[in-house]
Amino acid sequence: FSHYLPWAMQCGSQAKPIISVYWEEMLERSVDE
């Protein structure tokens, strides 16, 4: 409740929609990128 929940709420709200990512095409890219 003090760390994980607030982060997940904010990060989930601001991140690009995960359902529209072609993850199979990301495998060779830098994870940080």
PDB file of all heavy atoms in Angstrom:
ATOM      1  N   PHE A   1       0.808  -1.219   0.000  1.00  0.00           N
ATOM      2  CA  PHE A   1       0.000   0.000   0.000  1.00  0.00           C
ATOM      3  C   PHE A   1       0.845   1.275   0.000  1.00  0.00           C
ATOM      4  O   PHE A   1       0.415   2.298  -0.540  1.00  0.00           O
ATOM      5  CB  PHE A   1      -0.955  -0.008   1.190  1.00  0.00           C
ATOM      6  CG  PHE A   1      -2.137  -0.911   1.006  1.00  0.00           C
ATOM      7  CD1 PHE A   1      -2.258  -2.083   1.736  1.00  0.00           C
ATOM      8  CD2 PHE A   1      -3.131  -0.607   0.079  1.00  0.00           C
ATOM      9  CE1 PHE A   1      -3.343  -2.927   1.549  1.00  0.00           C
ATOM     10  CE2 PHE A   1      -4.215  -1.445  -0.112  1.00  0.00           C
ATOM     11  CZ  PHE A   1      -4.330  -2.611   0.626  1.00  0.00           C
ATOM     12  N   SER A   2       2.038   1.219   0.566  1.00  0.00           N
ATOM     13  CA  SER A   2       2.850   2.435   0.635  1.00  0.00           C
ATOM     14  C   SER A   2       3.718   2.642  -0.593  1.00  0.00           C
ATOM     15  O   SER A   2       4.028   3.793  -0.945  1.00  0.00           O
ATOM     16  CB  SER A   2       3.747   2.403   1.882  1.00  0.00           C
ATOM     17  OG  SER A   2       4.650   1.301   1.839  1.00  0.00           O
ATOM     18  N   HIS A   3       4.112   1.572  -1.294  1.00  0.00           N
ATOM     19  CA  HIS A   3       5.029   1.703  -2.425  1.00  0.00           C
ATOM     20  C   HIS A   3       4.446   1.166  -3.734  1.00  0.00           C
ATOM     21  O   HIS A   3       4.358   1.895  -4.727  1.00  0.00           O
ATOM     22  CB  HIS A   3       6.343   0.980  -2.123  1.00  0.00           C
ATOM     23  CG  HIS A   3       7.080   1.540  -0.953  1.00  0.00           C
ATOM     24  ND1 HIS A   3       7.579   2.830  -0.927  1.00  0.00           N
ATOM     25  CD2 HIS A   3       7.394   0.992   0.252  1.00  0.00           C
ATOM     26  CE1 HIS A   3       8.183   3.052   0.231  1.00  0.00           C
ATOM     27  NE2 HIS A   3       8.074   1.954   0.957  1.00  0.00           N
ATOM     28  N   TYR A   4       4.070  -0.097  -3.739  1.00  0.00           N
ATOM     29  CA  TYR A   4       3.659  -0.729  -4.996  1.00  0.00           C
ATOM     30  C   TYR A   4       2.369  -0.137  -5.564  1.00  0.00           C
ATOM     31  O   TYR A   4       2.281   0.125  -6.771  1.00  0.00           O
ATOM     32  CB  TYR A   4       3.486  -2.237  -4.795  1.00  0.00           C
ATOM     33  CG  TYR A   4       4.779  -2.991  -4.661  1.00  0.00           C
ATOM     34  CD1 TYR A   4       5.440  -3.087  -3.440  1.00  0.00           C
ATOM     35  CD2 TYR A   4       5.355  -3.626  -5.757  1.00  0.00           C
ATOM     36  CE1 TYR A   4       6.636  -3.785  -3.324  1.00  0.00           C
ATOM     37  CE2 TYR A   4       6.545  -4.328  -5.644  1.00  0.00           C
ATOM     38  CZ  TYR A   4       7.183  -4.395  -4.418  1.00  0.00           C
ATOM     39  OH  TYR A   4       8.361  -5.079  -4.302  1.00  0.00           O
ATOM     40  N   LEU A   5       1.346   0.022  -4.706  1.00  0.00           N
ATOM     41  CA  LEU A   5       0.051   0.489  -5.193  1.00  0.00           C
ATOM     42  C   LEU A   5       0.114   1.893  -5.801  1.00  0.00           C
ATOM     43  O   LEU A   5      -0.355   2.088  -6.935  1.00  0.00           O
ATOM     44  CB  LEU A   5      -0.982   0.419  -4.075  1.00  0.00           C
ATOM     45  CG  LEU A   5      -2.399   0.883  -4.446  1.00  0.00           C
ATOM     46  CD1 LEU A   5      -2.971   0.035  -5.572  1.00  0.00           C
ATOM     47  CD2 LEU A   5      -3.319   0.842  -3.213  1.00  0.00           C
ATOM     48  N   PRO A   6       0.680   2.895  -5.119  1.00  0.00           N
ATOM     49  CA  PRO A   6       0.724   4.235  -5.730  1.00  0.00           C
ATOM     50  C   PRO A   6       1.510   4.253  -7.038  1.00  0.00           C
ATOM     51  O   PRO A   6       1.112   4.921  -7.997  1.00  0.00           O
ATOM     52  CB  PRO A   6       1.404   5.091  -4.657  1.00  0.00           C
ATOM     53  CG  PRO A   6       1.220   4.342  -3.382  1.00  0.00           C
ATOM     54  CD  PRO A   6       1.219   2.896  -3.746  1.00  0.00           C
ATOM     55  N   TRP A   7       2.627   3.516  -7.073  1.00  0.00           N
ATOM     56  CA  TRP A   7       3.416   3.461  -8.306  1.00  0.00           C
ATOM     57  C   TRP A   7       2.636   2.816  -9.436  1.00  0.00           C
ATOM     58  O   TRP A   7       2.607   3.323 -10.567  1.00  0.00           O
ATOM     59  CB  TRP A   7       4.710   2.684  -8.064  1.00  0.00           C
ATOM     60  CG  TRP A   7       5.384   2.261  -9.331  1.00  0.00           C
ATOM     61  CD1 TRP A   7       6.165   3.025 -10.144  1.00  0.00           C
ATOM     62  CD2 TRP A   7       5.299   0.967  -9.948  1.00  0.00           C
ATOM     63  NE1 TRP A   7       6.579   2.295 -11.234  1.00  0.00           N
ATOM     64  CE2 TRP A   7       6.065   1.036 -11.133  1.00  0.00           C
ATOM     65  CE3 TRP A   7       4.667  -0.220  -9.607  1.00  0.00           C
ATOM     66  CZ2 TRP A   7       6.199  -0.072 -11.986  1.00  0.00           C
ATOM     67  CZ3 TRP A   7       4.790  -1.312 -10.445  1.00  0.00           C
ATOM     68  CH2 TRP A   7       5.554  -1.227 -11.624  1.00  0.00           C
ATOM     69  N   ALA A   8       1.985   1.681  -9.166  1.00  0.00           N
ATOM     70  CA  ALA A   8       1.251   0.966 -10.215  1.00  0.00           C
ATOM     71  C   ALA A   8       0.092   1.800 -10.745  1.00  0.00           C
ATOM     72  O   ALA A   8      -0.183   1.799 -11.953  1.00  0.00           O
ATOM     73  CB  ALA A   8       0.742  -0.372  -9.681  1.00  0.00           C
ATOM     74  N   MET A   9      -0.590   2.522  -9.874  1.00  0.00           N
ATOM     75  CA  MET A   9      -1.695   3.380 -10.307  1.00  0.00           C
ATOM     76  C   MET A   9      -1.186   4.477 -11.236  1.00  0.00           C
ATOM     77  O   MET A   9      -1.760   4.718 -12.309  1.00  0.00           O
ATOM     78  CB  MET A   9      -2.373   3.994  -9.080  1.00  0.00           C
ATOM     79  CG  MET A   9      -3.120   3.009  -8.211  1.00  0.00           C
ATOM     80  SD  MET A   9      -4.712   2.503  -8.902  1.00  0.00           S
ATOM     81  CE  MET A   9      -5.655   4.001  -8.643  1.00  0.00           C
ATOM     82  N   GLN A  10      -0.110   5.148 -10.842  1.00  0.00           N
ATOM     83  CA  GLN A  10       0.397   6.263 -11.642  1.00  0.00           C
ATOM     84  C   GLN A  10       1.044   5.786 -12.933  1.00  0.00           C
ATOM     85  O   GLN A  10       0.784   6.322 -14.015  1.00  0.00           O
ATOM     86  CB  GLN A  10       1.398   7.088 -10.830  1.00  0.00           C
ATOM     87  CG  GLN A  10       1.868   8.345 -11.544  1.00  0.00           C
ATOM     88  CD  GLN A  10       2.820   9.183 -10.706  1.00  0.00           C
ATOM     89  OE1 GLN A  10       3.224   8.775  -9.620  1.00  0.00           O
ATOM     90  NE2 GLN A  10       3.181  10.353 -11.194  1.00  0.00           N
ATOM     91  N   CYS A  11       1.882   4.755 -12.833  1.00  0.00           N
ATOM     92  CA  CYS A  11       2.576   4.242 -14.012  1.00  0.00           C
ATOM     93  C   CYS A  11       1.577   3.659 -15.009  1.00  0.00           C
ATOM     94  O   CYS A  11       1.684   3.887 -16.225  1.00  0.00           O
ATOM     95  CB  CYS A  11       3.600   3.195 -13.601  1.00  0.00           C
ATOM     96  SG  CYS A  11       4.719   2.683 -14.915  1.00  0.00           S
ATOM     97  N   GLY A  12       0.597   2.921 -14.522  1.00  0.00           N
ATOM     98  CA  GLY A  12      -0.402   2.340 -15.405  1.00  0.00           C
ATOM     99  C   GLY A  12      -1.234   3.391 -16.110  1.00  0.00           C
ATOM    100  O   GLY A  12      -1.653   3.198 -17.255  1.00  0.00           O
ATOM    101  N   SER A  13      -1.461   4.511 -15.447  1.00  0.00           N
ATOM    102  CA  SER A  13      -2.258   5.582 -16.044  1.00  0.00           C
ATOM    103  C   SER A  13      -1.492   6.357 -17.108  1.00  0.00           C
ATOM    104  O   SER A  13      -2.084   6.852 -18.077  1.00  0.00           O
ATOM    105  CB  SER A  13      -2.734   6.552 -14.956  1.00  0.00           C
ATOM    106  OG  SER A  13      -3.565   5.901 -14.017  1.00  0.00           O
ATOM    107  N   GLN A  14      -0.181   6.484 -16.944  1.00  0.00           N
ATOM    108  CA  GLN A  14       0.614   7.338 -17.828  1.00  0.00           C
ATOM    109  C   GLN A  14       1.331   6.580 -18.929  1.00  0.00           C
ATOM    110  O   GLN A  14       1.781   7.178 -19.910  1.00  0.00           O
ATOM    111  CB  GLN A  14       1.631   8.125 -16.997  1.00  0.00           C
ATOM    112  CG  GLN A  14       0.978   9.075 -15.995  1.00  0.00           C
ATOM    113  CD  GLN A  14       1.988   9.897 -15.215  1.00  0.00           C
ATOM    114  OE1 GLN A  14       3.181   9.920 -15.526  1.00  0.00           O
ATOM    115  NE2 GLN A  14       1.522  10.579 -14.190  1.00  0.00           N
ATOM    116  N   ALA A  15       1.440   5.266 -18.809  1.00  0.00           N
ATOM    117  CA  ALA A  15       2.171   4.483 -19.813  1.00  0.00           C
ATOM    118  C   ALA A  15       1.388   4.381 -21.115  1.00  0.00           C
ATOM    119  O   ALA A  15       0.159   4.520 -21.154  1.00  0.00           O
ATOM    120  CB  ALA A  15       2.462   3.081 -19.276  1.00  0.00           C
ATOM    121  N   LYS A  16       2.113   4.143 -22.198  1.00  0.00           N
ATOM    122  CA  LYS A  16       1.491   3.856 -23.488  1.00  0.00           C
ATOM    123  C   LYS A  16       0.648   2.590 -23.367  1.00  0.00           C
ATOM    124  O   LYS A  16       1.030   1.659 -22.645  1.00  0.00           O
ATOM    125  CB  LYS A  16       2.588   3.658 -24.534  1.00  0.00           C
ATOM    126  CG  LYS A  16       2.094   3.313 -25.922  1.00  0.00           C
ATOM    127  CD  LYS A  16       3.264   3.115 -26.887  1.00  0.00           C
ATOM    128  CE  LYS A  16       2.768   2.706 -28.271  1.00  0.00           C
ATOM    129  NZ  LYS A  16       3.894   2.536 -29.226  1.00  0.00           N
ATOM    130  N   PRO A  17      -0.495   2.495 -24.052  1.00  0.00           N
ATOM    131  CA  PRO A  17      -1.330   1.289 -23.955  1.00  0.00           C
ATOM    132  C   PRO A  17      -0.568   0.017 -24.312  1.00  0.00           C
ATOM    133  O   PRO A  17      -0.072  -0.141 -25.421  1.00  0.00           O
ATOM    134  CB  PRO A  17      -2.458   1.562 -24.958  1.00  0.00           C
ATOM    135  CG  PRO A  17      -2.568   3.049 -24.990  1.00  0.00           C
ATOM    136  CD  PRO A  17      -1.159   3.552 -24.845  1.00  0.00           C
ATOM    137  N   ILE A  18      -0.497  -0.893 -23.366  1.00  0.00           N
ATOM    138  CA  ILE A  18       0.274  -2.120 -23.554  1.00  0.00           C
ATOM    139  C   ILE A  18      -0.360  -3.044 -24.578  1.00  0.00           C
ATOM    140  O   ILE A  18       0.332  -3.846 -25.202  1.00  0.00           O
ATOM    141  CB  ILE A  18       0.457  -2.866 -22.214  1.00  0.00           C
ATOM    142  CG1 ILE A  18      -0.907  -3.098 -21.544  1.00  0.00           C
ATOM    143  CG2 ILE A  18       1.412  -2.135 -21.298  1.00  0.00           C
ATOM    144  CD1 ILE A  18      -0.845  -3.883 -20.249  1.00  0.00           C
ATOM    145  N   ILE A  19      -1.672  -2.942 -24.767  1.00  0.00           N
ATOM    146  CA  ILE A  19      -2.352  -3.850 -25.686  1.00  0.00           C
ATOM    147  C   ILE A  19      -2.006  -3.534 -27.137  1.00  0.00           C
ATOM    148  O   ILE A  19      -2.185  -4.373 -28.017  1.00  0.00           O
ATOM    149  CB  ILE A  19      -3.884  -3.789 -25.460  1.00  0.00           C
ATOM    150  CG1 ILE A  19      -4.583  -4.972 -26.138  1.00  0.00           C
ATOM    151  CG2 ILE A  19      -4.448  -2.459 -25.936  1.00  0.00           C
ATOM    152  CD1 ILE A  19      -4.206  -6.315 -25.582  1.00  0.00           C
ATOM    153  N   SER A  20      -1.493  -2.332 -27.400  1.00  0.00           N
ATOM    154  CA  SER A  20      -1.169  -1.925 -28.770  1.00  0.00           C
ATOM    155  C   SER A  20       0.320  -2.038 -29.084  1.00  0.00           C
ATOM    156  O   SER A  20       0.803  -1.417 -30.038  1.00  0.00           O
ATOM    157  CB  SER A  20      -1.646  -0.485 -29.014  1.00  0.00           C
ATOM    158  OG  SER A  20      -3.051  -0.396 -28.940  1.00  0.00           O
ATOM    159  N   VAL A  21       1.034  -2.810 -28.293  1.00  0.00           N
ATOM    160  CA  VAL A  21       2.469  -3.007 -28.509  1.00  0.00           C
ATOM    161  C   VAL A  21       2.697  -4.367 -29.168  1.00  0.00           C
ATOM    162  O   VAL A  21       2.195  -5.390 -28.685  1.00  0.00           O
ATOM    163  CB  VAL A  21       3.263  -2.926 -27.185  1.00  0.00           C
ATOM    164  CG1 VAL A  21       4.747  -3.198 -27.431  1.00  0.00           C
ATOM    165  CG2 VAL A  21       3.068  -1.563 -26.535  1.00  0.00           C
ATOM    166  N   TYR A  22       3.443  -4.379 -30.251  1.00  0.00           N
ATOM    167  CA  TYR A  22       3.816  -5.628 -30.925  1.00  0.00           C
ATOM    168  C   TYR A  22       5.096  -6.130 -30.254  1.00  0.00           C
ATOM    169  O   TYR A  22       6.203  -5.941 -30.738  1.00  0.00           O
ATOM    170  CB  TYR A  22       4.049  -5.375 -32.417  1.00  0.00           C
ATOM    171  CG  TYR A  22       3.477  -6.433 -33.335  1.00  0.00           C
ATOM    172  CD1 TYR A  22       2.630  -6.089 -34.384  1.00  0.00           C
ATOM    173  CD2 TYR A  22       3.776  -7.783 -33.155  1.00  0.00           C
ATOM    174  CE1 TYR A  22       2.098  -7.056 -35.232  1.00  0.00           C
ATOM    175  CE2 TYR A  22       3.255  -8.752 -33.998  1.00  0.00           C
ATOM    176  CZ  TYR A  22       2.413  -8.375 -35.032  1.00  0.00           C
ATOM    177  OH  TYR A  22       1.882  -9.341 -35.865  1.00  0.00           O
ATOM    178  N   TRP A  23       4.925  -6.803 -29.124  1.00  0.00           N
ATOM    179  CA  TRP A  23       6.059  -7.173 -28.283  1.00  0.00           C
ATOM    180  C   TRP A  23       7.062  -8.059 -29.017  1.00  0.00           C
ATOM    181  O   TRP A  23       8.268  -7.994 -28.752  1.00  0.00           O
ATOM    182  CB  TRP A  23       5.561  -7.886 -27.025  1.00  0.00           C
ATOM    183  CG  TRP A  23       4.725  -7.009 -26.152  1.00  0.00           C
ATOM    184  CD1 TRP A  23       3.368  -6.987 -26.055  1.00  0.00           C
ATOM    185  CD2 TRP A  23       5.195  -5.991 -25.259  1.00  0.00           C
ATOM    186  NE1 TRP A  23       2.953  -6.031 -25.153  1.00  0.00           N
ATOM    187  CE2 TRP A  23       4.059  -5.411 -24.654  1.00  0.00           C
ATOM    188  CE3 TRP A  23       6.459  -5.525 -24.912  1.00  0.00           C
ATOM    189  CZ2 TRP A  23       4.146  -4.379 -23.716  1.00  0.00           C
ATOM    190  CZ3 TRP A  23       6.562  -4.498 -23.981  1.00  0.00           C
ATOM    191  CH2 TRP A  23       5.420  -3.936 -23.395  1.00  0.00           C
ATOM    192  N   GLU A  24       6.576  -8.881 -29.935  1.00  0.00           N
ATOM    193  CA  GLU A  24       7.465  -9.770 -30.683  1.00  0.00           C
ATOM    194  C   GLU A  24       8.495  -8.999 -31.499  1.00  0.00           C
ATOM    195  O   GLU A  24       9.561  -9.525 -31.818  1.00  0.00           O
ATOM    196  CB  GLU A  24       6.647 -10.662 -31.620  1.00  0.00           C
ATOM    197  CG  GLU A  24       5.630 -11.550 -30.924  1.00  0.00           C
ATOM    198  CD  GLU A  24       4.255 -10.908 -30.823  1.00  0.00           C
ATOM    199  OE1 GLU A  24       4.194  -9.688 -30.553  1.00  0.00           O
ATOM    200  OE2 GLU A  24       3.246 -11.618 -31.012  1.00  0.00           O
ATOM    201  N   GLU A  25       8.182  -7.748 -31.841  1.00  0.00           N
ATOM    202  CA  GLU A  25       9.095  -6.934 -32.629  1.00  0.00           C
ATOM    203  C   GLU A  25      10.030  -6.097 -31.760  1.00  0.00           C
ATOM    204  O   GLU A  25      10.842  -5.329 -32.275  1.00  0.00           O
ATOM    205  CB  GLU A  25       8.283  -6.022 -33.561  1.00  0.00           C
ATOM    206  CG  GLU A  25       7.429  -6.804 -34.559  1.00  0.00           C
ATOM    207  CD  GLU A  25       6.572  -5.910 -35.435  1.00  0.00           C
ATOM    208  OE1 GLU A  25       6.532  -4.682 -35.172  1.00  0.00           O
ATOM    209  OE2 GLU A  25       5.948  -6.425 -36.388  1.00  0.00           O
ATOM    210  N   MET A  26       9.917  -6.248 -30.447  1.00  0.00           N
ATOM    211  CA  MET A  26      10.734  -5.478 -29.507  1.00  0.00           C
ATOM    212  C   MET A  26      11.925  -6.270 -28.985  1.00  0.00           C
ATOM    213  O   MET A  26      12.784  -5.723 -28.289  1.00  0.00           O
ATOM    214  CB  MET A  26       9.882  -5.037 -28.308  1.00  0.00           C
ATOM    215  CG  MET A  26       8.712  -4.152 -28.650  1.00  0.00           C
ATOM    216  SD  MET A  26       9.274  -2.496 -29.108  1.00  0.00           S
ATOM    217  CE  MET A  26       7.707  -1.660 -29.328  1.00  0.00           C
ATOM    218  N   LEU A  27      12.005  -7.564 -29.296  1.00  0.00           N
ATOM    219  CA  LEU A  27      12.936  -8.451 -28.613  1.00  0.00           C
ATOM    220  C   LEU A  27      14.397  -8.058 -28.784  1.00  0.00           C
ATOM    221  O   LEU A  27      15.210  -8.242 -27.864  1.00  0.00           O
ATOM    222  CB  LEU A  27      12.716  -9.891 -29.083  1.00  0.00           C
ATOM    223  CG  LEU A  27      11.340 -10.476 -28.746  1.00  0.00           C
ATOM    224  CD1 LEU A  27      11.158 -11.833 -29.406  1.00  0.00           C
ATOM    225  CD2 LEU A  27      11.156 -10.581 -27.240  1.00  0.00           C
ATOM    226  N   GLU A  28      14.764  -7.524 -29.926  1.00  0.00           N
ATOM    227  CA  GLU A  28      16.166  -7.186 -30.176  1.00  0.00           C
ATOM    228  C   GLU A  28      16.509  -5.752 -29.777  1.00  0.00           C
ATOM    229  O   GLU A  28      17.672  -5.357 -29.842  1.00  0.00           O
ATOM    230  CB  GLU A  28      16.497  -7.405 -31.652  1.00  0.00           C
ATOM    231  CG  GLU A  28      16.382  -8.859 -32.082  1.00  0.00           C
ATOM    232  CD  GLU A  28      16.825  -9.089 -33.517  1.00  0.00           C
ATOM    233  OE1 GLU A  28      17.327  -8.127 -34.147  1.00  0.00           O
ATOM    234  OE2 GLU A  28      16.679 -10.223 -34.014  1.00  0.00           O
ATOM    235  N   ARG A  29      15.533  -5.011 -29.337  1.00  0.00           N
ATOM    236  CA  ARG A  29      15.773  -3.623 -28.959  1.00  0.00           C
ATOM    237  C   ARG A  29      16.261  -3.519 -27.516  1.00  0.00           C
ATOM    238  O   ARG A  29      16.071  -4.427 -26.701  1.00  0.00           O
ATOM    239  CB  ARG A  29      14.506  -2.796 -29.142  1.00  0.00           C
ATOM    240  CG  ARG A  29      14.054  -2.662 -30.587  1.00  0.00           C
ATOM    241  CD  ARG A  29      12.847  -1.762 -30.698  1.00  0.00           C
ATOM    242  NE  ARG A  29      13.082  -0.462 -30.073  1.00  0.00           N
ATOM    243  CZ  ARG A  29      12.147   0.461 -29.912  1.00  0.00           C
ATOM    244  NH1 ARG A  29      10.905   0.219 -30.327  1.00  0.00           N
ATOM    245  NH2 ARG A  29      12.438   1.620 -29.334  1.00  0.00           N
ATOM    246  N   SER A  30      16.870  -2.408 -27.173  1.00  0.00           N
ATOM    247  CA  SER A  30      17.308  -2.158 -25.804  1.00  0.00           C
ATOM    248  C   SER A  30      16.090  -2.090 -24.888  1.00  0.00           C
ATOM    249  O   SER A  30      15.113  -1.387 -25.184  1.00  0.00           O
ATOM    250  CB  SER A  30      18.083  -0.845 -25.733  1.00  0.00           C
ATOM    251  OG  SER A  30      18.162  -0.372 -24.393  1.00  0.00           O
ATOM    252  N   VAL A  31      16.155  -2.793 -23.764  1.00  0.00           N
ATOM    253  CA  VAL A  31      15.026  -2.774 -22.836  1.00  0.00           C
ATOM    254  C   VAL A  31      14.823  -1.369 -22.281  1.00  0.00           C
ATOM    255  O   VAL A  31      13.679  -0.944 -22.038  1.00  0.00           O
ATOM    256  CB  VAL A  31      15.240  -3.808 -21.707  1.00  0.00           C
ATOM    257  CG1 VAL A  31      16.434  -3.454 -20.826  1.00  0.00           C
ATOM    258  CG2 VAL A  31      13.966  -3.954 -20.875  1.00  0.00           C
ATOM    259  N   ASP A  32      15.886  -0.608 -22.095  1.00  0.00           N
ATOM    260  CA  ASP A  32      15.732   0.761 -21.599  1.00  0.00           C
ATOM    261  C   ASP A  32      15.048   1.646 -22.634  1.00  0.00           C
ATOM    262  O   ASP A  32      14.235   2.513 -22.281  1.00  0.00           O
ATOM    263  CB  ASP A  32      17.099   1.344 -21.228  1.00  0.00           C
ATOM    264  CG  ASP A  32      17.697   0.693 -19.994  1.00  0.00           C
ATOM    265  OD1 ASP A  32      16.912   0.234 -19.137  1.00  0.00           O
ATOM    266  OD2 ASP A  32      18.933   0.640 -19.884  1.00  0.00           O
ATOM    267  N   GLU A  33      15.361   1.433 -23.915  1.00  0.00           N
ATOM    268  CA  GLU A  33      14.693   2.197 -24.969  1.00  0.00           C
ATOM    269  C   GLU A  33      13.211   1.864 -25.026  1.00  0.00           C
ATOM    270  O   GLU A  33      12.373   2.751 -25.230  1.00  0.00           O
ATOM    271  CB  GLU A  33      15.345   1.909 -26.318  1.00  0.00           C
ATOM    272  CG  GLU A  33      16.729   2.511 -26.503  1.00  0.00           C
ATOM    273  CD  GLU A  33      17.297   2.207 -27.880  1.00  0.00           C
ATOM    274  OE1 GLU A  33      16.596   1.534 -28.688  1.00  0.00           O
ATOM    275  OE2 GLU A  33      18.431   2.628 -28.161  1.00  0.00           O
TER     276      GLU A  33
END
